[in-house]
Protein backbone atom coordinates (compact mmCIF):
# COMPACT_ATOMS: atom_id res chain seq x y z
CA MET A 1 118.55 106.50 67.36
CA HIS A 2 117.11 109.12 65.05
CA GLN A 3 116.95 112.84 65.95
CA VAL A 4 114.37 115.27 64.63
CA THR A 5 113.72 118.92 65.31
CA TYR A 6 110.49 120.20 66.71
CA SER A 7 109.42 121.51 63.30
CA GLU A 8 110.27 118.21 61.57
CA LEU A 9 108.09 116.43 64.11
CA GLU A 10 105.08 118.48 63.05
CA GLU A 11 105.72 117.78 59.36
CA HIS A 12 106.56 114.06 59.57
CA LEU A 13 104.74 112.68 62.60
CA VAL A 14 103.20 109.72 60.78
CA GLU A 15 106.53 108.64 59.26
CA LEU A 16 108.29 109.00 62.62
CA LEU A 17 105.66 106.89 64.34
CA GLU A 18 106.16 104.21 61.70
CA GLN A 19 109.88 104.19 62.54
CA VAL A 20 109.04 103.79 66.23
CA ILE A 21 106.68 100.91 65.42
CA ARG A 22 109.57 99.21 63.60
CA GLY A 23 111.61 99.43 66.81
CA GLN A 24 113.63 102.61 66.35
CA GLU A 25 113.89 105.36 68.95
CA VAL A 26 113.31 108.97 67.91
CA VAL A 27 114.70 111.89 69.91
CA ILE A 28 112.93 115.24 69.55
CA VAL A 29 115.11 118.33 69.90
CA LYS A 30 114.12 121.97 70.30
CA ASP A 31 116.72 124.74 70.23
CA ASP A 32 119.46 122.07 69.99
CA GLN A 33 118.33 120.51 73.29
CA PRO A 34 116.68 117.07 73.54
CA VAL A 35 113.16 117.44 74.95
CA ALA A 36 111.54 114.03 74.42
CA LYS A 37 112.16 110.51 73.17
CA LEU A 38 109.68 108.30 71.32
CA THR A 39 110.24 104.63 72.08
CA PRO A 40 108.28 101.55 71.09
CA MET A 41 105.82 100.17 73.64
CA GLY A 42 106.36 96.63 74.84
CA SER A 43 110.02 96.62 73.93
CA LYS A 44 110.84 94.96 77.24
CA LYS A 45 111.42 91.25 77.15
CA GLU A 46 108.45 89.35 78.52
CA ARG A 47 108.98 87.10 81.50
CA VAL A 48 108.43 83.42 80.92
CA PHE A 49 107.14 81.34 83.82
CA GLY A 50 109.54 78.51 84.60
CA SER A 51 112.41 79.90 82.54
CA ALA A 52 114.87 79.33 85.42
CA LYS A 53 113.89 75.68 85.85
CA ASP A 54 116.93 73.42 86.02
CA LEU A 55 119.18 76.44 86.58
CA LEU A 56 121.91 75.60 89.09
CA VAL A 57 121.98 78.19 91.86
CA TYR A 58 124.77 78.10 94.44
CA MET A 59 124.86 80.05 97.69
CA ALA A 60 127.88 79.90 99.97
CA ASP A 61 127.35 78.73 103.54
CA ASP A 62 128.65 82.06 104.87
CA PHE A 63 126.72 84.34 102.48
CA ASP A 64 125.16 86.30 105.37
CA GLU A 65 128.32 86.66 107.46
CA PRO A 66 129.74 90.19 107.91
CA LEU A 67 132.40 91.14 105.38
CA GLU A 68 135.95 91.79 106.58
CA ASP A 69 135.94 95.20 104.88
CA PHE A 70 133.09 96.41 107.09
CA LYS A 71 134.25 95.15 110.49
CA GLU A 72 135.47 98.61 111.56
CA TYR A 73 131.96 100.03 110.97
CA MET A 74 130.28 97.34 113.03
CA GLU A 75 132.11 98.04 116.30
């Protein structure tokens, strides 16, 4: 993560945006306090339909039974 001051942002906006496009995050600070963060758009992993196909999922027979730890709250 790259930090820049408010004045550096004004001077180097195009270069900073190029860094963001390449996947880097840029934190903008003013008076030694972070005020904003530039992050790339679409950096979240896309969901793929059917990606869990053939995935073994197991659920216990008593998955919805009350837990022993909470019995005192259920009385």
